[in-house]
C-alpha atoms as a PDB file:
ATOM      1  CA  UNK A   1      21.135  -2.766  28.876  1.00  0.00           C
ATOM      2  CA  UNK A   2      20.743  -5.443  27.011  1.00  0.00           C
ATOM      3  CA  UNK A   3      17.025  -6.598  26.589  1.00  0.00           C
ATOM      4  CA  UNK A   4      15.650  -9.632  24.745  1.00  0.00           C
ATOM      5  CA  UNK A   5      12.864 -10.515  22.761  1.00  0.00           C
ATOM      6  CA  UNK A   6       9.505  -9.346  24.636  1.00  0.00           C
ATOM      7  CA  UNK A   7      11.466  -7.567  27.215  1.00  0.00           C
ATOM      8  CA  UNK A   8       9.748  -4.324  28.684  1.00  0.00           C
ATOM      9  CA  UNK A   9      11.473  -1.471  30.008  1.00  0.00           C
ATOM     10  CA  UNK A  10       9.860   1.800  30.743  1.00  0.00           C
ATOM     11  CA  UNK A  11      11.627   4.732  32.792  1.00  0.00           C
ATOM     12  CA  UNK A  12       8.777   4.879  34.899  1.00  0.00           C
ATOM     13  CA  UNK A  13       6.413   1.906  34.823  1.00  0.00           C
ATOM     14  CA  UNK A  14       4.404   2.511  37.921  1.00  0.00           C
ATOM     15  CA  UNK A  15       3.350   5.851  36.451  1.00  0.00           C
ATOM     16  CA  UNK A  16       2.615   4.356  33.031  1.00  0.00           C
ATOM     17  CA  UNK A  17       0.584   1.812  34.632  1.00  0.00           C
ATOM     18  CA  UNK A  18      -1.219   3.838  37.093  1.00  0.00           C
ATOM     19  CA  UNK A  19      -2.433   5.953  33.888  1.00  0.00           C
ATOM     20  CA  UNK A  20      -3.328   2.466  32.039  1.00  0.00           C
ATOM     21  CA  UNK A  21      -5.367   1.481  35.255  1.00  0.00           C
ATOM     22  CA  UNK A  22      -7.332   4.721  34.883  1.00  0.00           C
ATOM     23  CA  UNK A  23      -6.619   5.624  38.513  1.00  0.00           C
ATOM     24  CA  UNK A  24      -5.807   9.613  37.904  1.00  0.00           C
ATOM     25  CA  UNK A  25      -9.253   9.580  36.118  1.00  0.00           C
ATOM     26  CA  UNK A  26     -10.886   7.716  38.594  1.00  0.00           C
ATOM     27  CA  UNK A  27      -9.721  10.108  41.289  1.00  0.00           C
ATOM     28  CA  UNK A  28     -11.064  13.128  39.529  1.00  0.00           C
ATOM     29  CA  UNK A  29     -14.428  11.317  38.995  1.00  0.00           C
ATOM     30  CA  UNK A  30     -14.831  10.640  42.902  1.00  0.00           C
ATOM     31  CA  UNK A  31     -13.482  14.206  43.579  1.00  0.00           C
ATOM     32  CA  UNK A  32     -16.217  15.627  41.466  1.00  0.00           C
ATOM     33  CA  UNK A  33     -18.918  13.454  42.786  1.00  0.00           C
ATOM     34  CA  UNK A  34     -18.069  14.188  46.107  1.00  0.00           C
ATOM     35  CA  UNK A  35     -17.818  18.014  45.673  1.00  0.00           C
ATOM     36  CA  UNK A  36     -21.295  17.977  43.808  1.00  0.00           C
ATOM     37  CA  UNK A  37     -22.806  16.046  46.923  1.00  0.00           C
ATOM     38  CA  UNK A  38     -21.458  19.114  49.098  1.00  0.00           C
ATOM     39  CA  UNK A  39     -23.122  21.529  46.575  1.00  0.00           C
ATOM     40  CA  UNK A  40     -26.390  19.642  47.072  1.00  0.00           C
ATOM     41  CA  UNK A  41     -26.162  19.974  50.804  1.00  0.00           C
ATOM     42  CA  UNK A  42     -25.378  23.441  50.558  1.00  0.00           C
ATOM     43  CA  UNK A  43     -28.405  24.197  48.298  1.00  0.00           C
ATOM     44  CA  UNK A  44     -30.382  21.977  50.840  1.00  0.00           C
ATOM     45  CA  UNK A  45     -29.654  24.476  53.564  1.00  0.00           C
ATOM     46  CA  UNK A  46     -30.307  27.691  51.615  1.00  0.00           C
ATOM     47  CA  UNK A  47     -33.628  26.037  50.440  1.00  0.00           C
ATOM     48  CA  UNK A  48     -34.295  24.994  54.079  1.00  0.00           C
ATOM     49  CA  UNK A  49     -33.722  28.532  55.353  1.00  0.00           C
ATOM     50  CA  UNK A  50     -36.417  29.691  52.378  1.00  0.00           C
ATOM     51  CA  UNK A  51     -39.348  27.207  52.953  1.00  0.00           C
ATOM     52  CA  UNK A  52     -38.729  24.596  55.654  1.00  0.00           C
ATOM     53  CA  UNK A  53     -40.038  21.971  53.318  1.00  0.00           C
ATOM     54  CA  UNK A  54     -39.623  18.525  55.055  1.00  0.00           C
ATOM     55  CA  UNK A  55     -38.266  16.771  51.850  1.00  0.00           C
ATOM     56  CA  UNK A  56     -35.497  19.623  52.143  1.00  0.00           C
ATOM     57  CA  UNK A  57     -34.627  18.525  55.364  1.00  0.00           C
ATOM     58  CA  UNK A  58     -34.884  14.534  54.430  1.00  0.00           C
ATOM     59  CA  UNK A  59     -32.382  15.474  51.518  1.00  0.00           C
ATOM     60  CA  UNK A  60     -30.087  17.416  53.979  1.00  0.00           C
ATOM     61  CA  UNK A  61     -29.937  14.530  56.538  1.00  0.00           C
ATOM     62  CA  UNK A  62     -29.093  11.782  53.651  1.00  0.00           C
ATOM     63  CA  UNK A  63     -26.808  13.801  51.983  1.00  0.00           C
ATOM     64  CA  UNK A  64     -25.060  14.669  54.988  1.00  0.00           C
ATOM     65  CA  UNK A  65     -24.700  11.286  56.115  1.00  0.00           C
ATOM     66  CA  UNK A  66     -23.076   9.967  52.990  1.00  0.00           C
ATOM     67  CA  UNK A  67     -20.762  12.882  53.100  1.00  0.00           C
ATOM     68  CA  UNK A  68     -19.680  11.999  56.642  1.00  0.00           C
ATOM     69  CA  UNK A  69     -19.494   8.089  55.682  1.00  0.00           C
ATOM     70  CA  UNK A  70     -17.656   8.369  52.587  1.00  0.00           C
ATOM     71  CA  UNK A  71     -15.048  11.114  53.922  1.00  0.00           C
ATOM     72  CA  UNK A  72     -12.342   9.087  55.147  1.00  0.00           C
ATOM     73  CA  UNK A  73     -12.590   6.347  52.210  1.00  0.00           C
ATOM     74  CA  UNK A  74     -12.297   8.999  49.788  1.00  0.00           C
ATOM     75  CA  UNK A  75      -9.684  11.035  51.508  1.00  0.00           C
ATOM     76  CA  UNK A  76      -7.784   7.613  51.624  1.00  0.00           C
ATOM     77  CA  UNK A  77      -8.139   6.812  48.028  1.00  0.00           C
ATOM     78  CA  UNK A  78      -7.383  10.426  46.806  1.00  0.00           C
ATOM     79  CA  UNK A  79      -4.102  10.482  48.677  1.00  0.00           C
ATOM     80  CA  UNK A  80      -2.768   6.951  48.054  1.00  0.00           C
ATOM     81  CA  UNK A  81       0.399   6.592  46.350  1.00  0.00           C
ATOM     82  CA  UNK A  82       0.431   4.434  43.084  1.00  0.00           C
ATOM     83  CA  UNK A  83      -2.297   2.398  43.686  1.00  0.00           C
ATOM     84  CA  UNK A  84      -0.560  -0.429  41.553  1.00  0.00           C
ATOM     85  CA  UNK A  85       2.131  -1.099  44.325  1.00  0.00           C
ATOM     86  CA  UNK A  86      -0.042  -2.078  47.165  1.00  0.00           C
ATOM     87  CA  UNK A  87       1.191  -2.248  50.754  1.00  0.00           C
ATOM     88  CA  UNK A  88       4.546  -0.514  49.892  1.00  0.00           C
ATOM     89  CA  UNK A  89       2.572   2.940  48.803  1.00  0.00           C
ATOM     90  CA  UNK A  90       2.090   2.951  52.402  1.00  0.00           C
ATOM     91  CA  UNK A  91       5.683   2.953  53.305  1.00  0.00           C
ATOM     92  CA  UNK A  92       7.761   4.896  50.610  1.00  0.00           C
ATOM     93  CA  UNK A  93       6.882   8.048  48.843  1.00  0.00           C
ATOM     94  CA  UNK A  94       6.410   8.613  44.994  1.00  0.00           C
ATOM     95  CA  UNK A  95       9.817   8.999  44.466  1.00  0.00           C
ATOM     96  CA  UNK A  96      11.121   6.224  46.365  1.00  0.00           C
ATOM     97  CA  UNK A  97       8.683   3.938  44.738  1.00  0.00           C
ATOM     98  CA  UNK A  98      10.198   4.974  41.372  1.00  0.00           C
ATOM     99  CA  UNK A  99      13.525   4.624  42.614  1.00  0.00           C
ATOM    100  CA  UNK A 100      12.630   0.912  43.545  1.00  0.00           C
ATOM    101  CA  UNK A 101      11.643   0.028  39.810  1.00  0.00           C
ATOM    102  CA  UNK A 102      14.836   1.778  38.327  1.00  0.00           C
ATOM    103  CA  UNK A 103      16.494  -0.714  35.766  1.00  0.00           C
ATOM    104  CA  UNK A 104      13.514  -3.200  36.068  1.00  0.00           C
ATOM    105  CA  UNK A 105      13.158  -5.060  32.900  1.00  0.00           C
ATOM    106  CA  UNK A 106       9.516  -6.730  32.631  1.00  0.00           C
ATOM    107  CA  UNK A 107       8.865  -9.610  30.335  1.00  0.00           C
ATOM    108  CA  UNK A 108       5.905 -11.972  30.014  1.00  0.00           C
ATOM    109  CA  UNK A 109       5.806 -15.149  32.332  1.00  0.00           C
ATOM    110  CA  UNK A 110       5.619 -18.148  30.106  1.00  0.00           C
ATOM    111  CA  UNK A 111       6.479 -20.889  32.637  1.00  0.00           C
ATOM    112  CA  UNK A 112       8.208 -23.775  31.528  1.00  0.00           C
ATOM    113  CA  UNK A 113       7.724 -26.742  29.120  1.00  0.00           C
ATOM    114  CA  UNK A 114       6.294 -28.771  31.987  1.00  0.00           C
ATOM    115  CA  UNK A 115       3.933 -25.916  32.959  1.00  0.00           C
ATOM    116  CA  UNK A 116       3.264 -23.404  30.231  1.00  0.00           C
ATOM    117  CA  UNK A 117       1.769 -20.319  31.184  1.00  0.00           C
ATOM    118  CA  UNK A 118      -0.089 -18.070  28.772  1.00  0.00           C
ATOM    119  CA  UNK A 119      -1.381 -14.990  30.404  1.00  0.00           C
ATOM    120  CA  UNK A 120      -0.897 -11.393  29.223  1.00  0.00           C
ATOM    121  CA  UNK A 121      -1.886 -10.227  32.694  1.00  0.00           C
ATOM    122  CA  UNK A 122       1.297 -12.082  33.901  1.00  0.00           C
ATOM    123  CA  UNK A 123       4.662 -10.050  34.037  1.00  0.00           C
ATOM    124  CA  UNK A 124       8.211 -10.382  36.035  1.00  0.00           C
ATOM    125  CA  UNK A 125      11.209  -8.436  36.552  1.00  0.00           C
ATOM    126  CA  UNK A 126      14.388  -9.417  38.665  1.00  0.00           C
ATOM    127  CA  UNK A 127      12.428  -8.566  41.968  1.00  0.00           C
ATOM    128  CA  UNK A 128       8.908  -7.903  40.899  1.00  0.00           C
ATOM    129  CA  UNK A 129       5.688  -9.773  39.558  1.00  0.00           C
ATOM    130  CA  UNK A 130       3.050  -8.003  37.819  1.00  0.00           C
ATOM    131  CA  UNK A 131      -0.435  -9.423  37.881  1.00  0.00           C
ATOM    132  CA  UNK A 132      -3.061  -7.420  36.011  1.00  0.00           C
ATOM    133  CA  UNK A 133      -1.355  -4.141  36.859  1.00  0.00           C
ATOM    134  CA  UNK A 134      -0.519  -5.053  40.409  1.00  0.00           C
ATOM    135  CA  UNK A 135       3.042  -5.150  41.422  1.00  0.00           C
ATOM    136  CA  UNK A 136       4.071  -7.853  43.907  1.00  0.00           C
ATOM    137  CA  UNK A 137       7.442  -8.180  45.536  1.00  0.00           C
ATOM    138  CA  UNK A 138       8.971 -11.556  44.884  1.00  0.00           C
ATOM    139  CA  UNK A 139      11.587 -11.462  47.740  1.00  0.00           C
ATOM    140  CA  UNK A 140       8.911 -10.542  50.365  1.00  0.00           C
ATOM    141  CA  UNK A 141       6.032 -13.160  49.182  1.00  0.00           C
ATOM    142  CA  UNK A 142       6.083 -16.015  51.647  1.00  0.00           C
ATOM    143  CA  UNK A 143       2.836 -17.485  50.483  1.00  0.00           C
ATOM    144  CA  UNK A 144       1.009 -17.136  47.268  1.00  0.00           C
ATOM    145  CA  UNK A 145      -1.404 -19.006  45.579  1.00  0.00           C
ATOM    146  CA  UNK A 146      -3.826 -18.516  42.858  1.00  0.00           C
ATOM    147  CA  UNK A 147      -7.286 -19.997  43.888  1.00  0.00           C
ATOM    148  CA  UNK A 148     -10.019 -21.416  41.319  1.00  0.00           C
ATOM    149  CA  UNK A 149     -12.734 -19.247  40.824  1.00  0.00           C
ATOM    150  CA  UNK A 150     -16.114 -20.902  40.323  1.00  0.00           C
ATOM    151  CA  UNK A 151     -19.709 -19.094  39.916  1.00  0.00           C
ATOM    152  CA  UNK A 152     -22.970 -20.007  38.335  1.00  0.00           C
ATOM    153  CA  UNK A 153     -22.592 -17.581  35.680  1.00  0.00           C
ATOM    154  CA  UNK A 154     -18.624 -18.275  35.136  1.00  0.00           C
ATOM    155  CA  UNK A 155     -17.887 -14.684  35.346  1.00  0.00           C
ATOM    156  CA  UNK A 156     -15.553 -15.137  38.714  1.00  0.00           C
ATOM    157  CA  UNK A 157     -12.297 -13.682  38.351  1.00  0.00           C
ATOM    158  CA  UNK A 158      -9.319 -15.558  39.501  1.00  0.00           C
ATOM    159  CA  UNK A 159      -7.628 -14.114  42.824  1.00  0.00           C
ATOM    160  CA  UNK A 160      -4.050 -14.625  43.746  1.00  0.00           C
ATOM    161  CA  UNK A 161      -3.925 -14.297  47.686  1.00  0.00           C
ATOM    162  CA  UNK A 162      -0.458 -13.268  49.201  1.00  0.00           C
ATOM    163  CA  UNK A 163       1.391 -13.118  52.527  1.00  0.00           C
ATOM    164  CA  UNK A 164       3.968 -10.758  52.662  1.00  0.00           C
ATOM    165  CA  UNK A 165       6.923 -11.372  55.333  1.00  0.00           C
ATOM    166  CA  UNK A 166       5.378  -8.169  57.248  1.00  0.00           C
ATOM    167  CA  UNK A 167       2.372 -10.040  57.880  1.00  0.00           C
ATOM    168  CA  UNK A 168       0.059  -8.212  55.729  1.00  0.00           C
ATOM    169  CA  UNK A 169      -2.168 -10.247  53.434  1.00  0.00           C
ATOM    170  CA  UNK A 170      -2.863  -9.252  49.849  1.00  0.00           C
ATOM    171  CA  UNK A 171      -5.601 -10.465  47.365  1.00  0.00           C
ATOM    172  CA  UNK A 172      -4.945  -9.459  43.452  1.00  0.00           C
ATOM    173  CA  UNK A 173      -7.432 -10.076  41.120  1.00  0.00           C
ATOM    174  CA  UNK A 174      -6.085 -11.754  37.747  1.00  0.00           C
ATOM    175  CA  UNK A 175      -8.495  -9.888  35.384  1.00  0.00           C
ATOM    176  CA  UNK A 176     -10.668 -12.825  34.474  1.00  0.00           C
ATOM    177  CA  UNK A 177     -11.155 -16.636  35.198  1.00  0.00           C
ATOM    178  CA  UNK A 178      -8.254 -18.721  34.728  1.00  0.00           C
ATOM    179  CA  UNK A 179      -8.229 -22.296  33.373  1.00  0.00           C
ATOM    180  CA  UNK A 180      -7.796 -24.697  36.218  1.00  0.00           C
ATOM    181  CA  UNK A 181      -4.337 -26.070  34.164  1.00  0.00           C
ATOM    182  CA  UNK A 182      -2.951 -22.272  34.104  1.00  0.00           C
ATOM    183  CA  UNK A 183      -3.995 -22.167  38.228  1.00  0.00           C
ATOM    184  CA  UNK A 184      -1.926 -25.328  38.481  1.00  0.00           C
ATOM    185  CA  UNK A 185       1.156 -24.399  36.213  1.00  0.00           C
ATOM    186  CA  UNK A 186       1.269 -20.842  38.073  1.00  0.00           C
ATOM    187  CA  UNK A 187       1.003 -22.319  41.765  1.00  0.00           C
ATOM    188  CA  UNK A 188       3.590 -24.942  40.760  1.00  0.00           C
ATOM    189  CA  UNK A 189       6.064 -22.272  39.534  1.00  0.00           C
ATOM    190  CA  UNK A 190       5.881 -19.992  42.225  1.00  0.00           C
ATOM    191  CA  UNK A 191       7.671 -22.782  44.459  1.00  0.00           C
ATOM    192  CA  UNK A 192       9.812 -24.190  41.908  1.00  0.00           C
ATOM    193  CA  UNK A 193      11.372 -21.038  40.563  1.00  0.00           C
ATOM    194  CA  UNK A 194      10.437 -18.431  43.244  1.00  0.00           C
ATOM    195  CA  UNK A 195      10.509 -20.230  46.417  1.00  0.00           C
ATOM    196  CA  UNK A 196       6.956 -19.094  47.030  1.00  0.00           C
ATOM    197  CA  UNK A 197       4.789 -21.827  49.141  1.00  0.00           C
ATOM    198  CA  UNK A 198       1.153 -22.143  47.058  1.00  0.00           C
ATOM    199  CA  UNK A 199      -0.023 -23.443  49.985  1.00  0.00           C
ATOM    200  CA  UNK A 200      -3.911 -23.327  50.836  1.00  0.00           C
ATOM    201  CA  UNK A 201      -4.539 -21.081  53.642  1.00  0.00           C
ATOM    202  CA  UNK A 202      -8.317 -20.516  54.684  1.00  0.00           C
ATOM    203  CA  UNK A 203      -9.819 -17.516  56.180  1.00  0.00           C
ATOM    204  CA  UNK A 204      -9.851 -18.957  59.554  1.00  0.00           C
ATOM    205  CA  UNK A 205      -6.083 -19.155  59.526  1.00  0.00           C
ATOM    206  CA  UNK A 206      -5.512 -15.822  58.081  1.00  0.00           C
ATOM    207  CA  UNK A 207      -4.849 -13.825  61.310  1.00  0.00           C
ATOM    208  CA  UNK A 208      -2.533 -16.365  62.924  1.00  0.00           C
ATOM    209  CA  UNK A 209      -0.402 -16.436  60.056  1.00  0.00           C
ATOM    210  CA  UNK A 210      -0.048 -12.671  59.725  1.00  0.00           C
ATOM    211  CA  UNK A 211       0.318 -12.720  63.515  1.00  0.00           C
ATOM    212  CA  UNK A 212       3.447 -15.321  63.058  1.00  0.00           C
ATOM    213  CA  UNK A 213       5.027 -13.575  59.865  1.00  0.00           C
ATOM    214  CA  UNK A 214       4.768  -9.949  61.495  1.00  0.00           C
ATOM    215  CA  UNK A 215       6.273 -11.382  64.678  1.00  0.00           C
ATOM    216  CA  UNK A 216       9.086 -13.095  62.693  1.00  0.00           C
ATOM    217  CA  UNK A 217       9.378  -9.768  60.922  1.00  0.00           C
ATOM    218  CA  UNK A 218       9.496  -7.394  63.844  1.00  0.00           C
ATOM    219  CA  UNK A 219      12.156  -9.721  65.631  1.00  0.00           C
ATOM    220  CA  UNK A 220      14.303  -9.485  62.457  1.00  0.00           C
ATOM    221  CA  UNK A 221      14.123  -5.796  62.073  1.00  0.00           C
ATOM    222  CA  UNK A 222      15.105  -5.377  65.830  1.00  0.00           C
ATOM    223  CA  UNK A 223      18.127  -7.538  65.399  1.00  0.00           C
ATOM    224  CA  UNK A 224      19.513  -5.479  62.431  1.00  0.00           C
ATOM    225  CA  UNK A 225      18.547  -2.439  64.108  1.00  0.00           C
ATOM    226  CA  UNK A 226      17.077  -1.212  61.069  1.00  0.00           C
ATOM    227  CA  UNK A 227      13.906   1.434  60.712  1.00  0.00           C
ATOM    228  CA  UNK A 228      10.896   0.126  58.827  1.00  0.00           C
ATOM    229  CA  UNK A 229      11.657   1.671  55.645  1.00  0.00           C
ATOM    230  CA  UNK A 230      15.476   0.486  55.749  1.00  0.00           C
ATOM    231  CA  UNK A 231      14.384  -2.975  56.632  1.00  0.00           C
ATOM    232  CA  UNK A 232      11.743  -3.333  53.945  1.00  0.00           C
ATOM    233  CA  UNK A 233      14.088  -2.173  51.321  1.00  0.00           C
ATOM    234  CA  UNK A 234      16.490  -4.390  52.458  1.00  0.00           C
ATOM    235  CA  UNK A 235      13.964  -7.222  52.223  1.00  0.00           C
ATOM    236  CA  UNK A 236      12.851  -6.260  48.913  1.00  0.00           C
ATOM    237  CA  UNK A 237      16.234  -6.781  47.550  1.00  0.00           C
ATOM    238  CA  UNK A 238      17.872  -9.679  49.726  1.00  0.00           C
ATOM    239  CA  UNK A 239      14.287 -11.146  51.009  1.00  0.00           C
ATOM    240  CA  UNK A 240      14.831 -14.303  49.477  1.00  0.00           C
ATOM    241  CA  UNK A 241      17.803 -15.316  51.789  1.00  0.00           C
ATOM    242  CA  UNK A 242      15.520 -15.096  54.738  1.00  0.00           C
ATOM    243  CA  UNK A 243      12.422 -17.041  53.613  1.00  0.00           C
ATOM    244  CA  UNK A 244      13.592 -20.520  55.141  1.00  0.00           C
ATOM    245  CA  UNK A 245      13.399 -18.695  58.613  1.00  0.00           C
ATOM    246  CA  UNK A 246       9.836 -17.522  58.196  1.00  0.00           C
ATOM    247  CA  UNK A 247       8.642 -20.893  57.021  1.00  0.00           C
ATOM    248  CA  UNK A 248      10.161 -22.255  60.365  1.00  0.00           C
ATOM    249  CA  UNK A 249       8.102 -20.107  62.342  1.00  0.00           C
ATOM    250  CA  UNK A 250       4.801 -21.305  60.822  1.00  0.00           C
ATOM    251  CA  UNK A 251       3.704 -24.594  62.991  1.00  0.00           C
ATOM    252  CA  UNK A 252       2.815 -27.255  60.960  1.00  0.00           C
ATOM    253  CA  UNK A 253       3.711 -25.705  57.526  1.00  0.00           C
ATOM    254  CA  UNK A 254       4.603 -28.287  54.970  1.00  0.00           C
ATOM    255  CA  UNK A 255       6.744 -27.417  52.150  1.00  0.00           C
ATOM    256  CA  UNK A 256       6.007 -28.527  48.679  1.00  0.00           C
ATOM    257  CA  UNK A 257       7.085 -32.349  47.885  1.00  0.00           C
ATOM    258  CA  UNK A 258       8.259 -32.779  51.631  1.00  0.00           C
ATOM    259  CA  UNK A 259       5.223 -35.498  52.075  1.00  0.00           C
ATOM    260  CA  UNK A 260       6.805 -37.646  49.119  1.00  0.00           C
END
């Protein structure tokens, strides 16, 4: 494999990224806290048998409520495969996810002379973006846009909002607040280089756009007679060839430059 200056190839980049983002450690902390709450509940029942104290009853009720309410979120978090590959970690096994990244060489996204980008949180390979430790499929992204983050204390983090061909919506935090010029350059680059439409989709339209994309996705899957996993794998490799079909299904969607 020939690699240029600034290229980054790791045998298992998603496993490395998972550790860099401390997900395994976070899981360990969550398990410890949850089990500690279980111990408190057990101790509460033991104490209630001995003294029937009102405070003990209150502790048991509150602790039990917390454990019950947190059980499913904790379970889902602990059993999620590779948090750094959202959406696809719900479809593929850990081994299959690792196979998807075999041979992918990542390098910093520098943009172009007209639209330069200088962010250490932006990497790309042939088929993937990596935005602040989250991997996004280039070929399956139909709509993508970085939004201006603004707050009184100027501490908001720039969000990148993504709509996949599957109809799933994803919001990735960029790690910090980008300059307006960086956001503009990034959005322009999405269309010019990757054929990803940087259109503004407001919250009221999320469900409509998602439904249209999902219906188109389901129709294509049926036509190709592929199961979910096979069809997603196909789109991860060849989805760029099908983007025009998805665009045509969204009423009123205007491609960049059409109004000129």
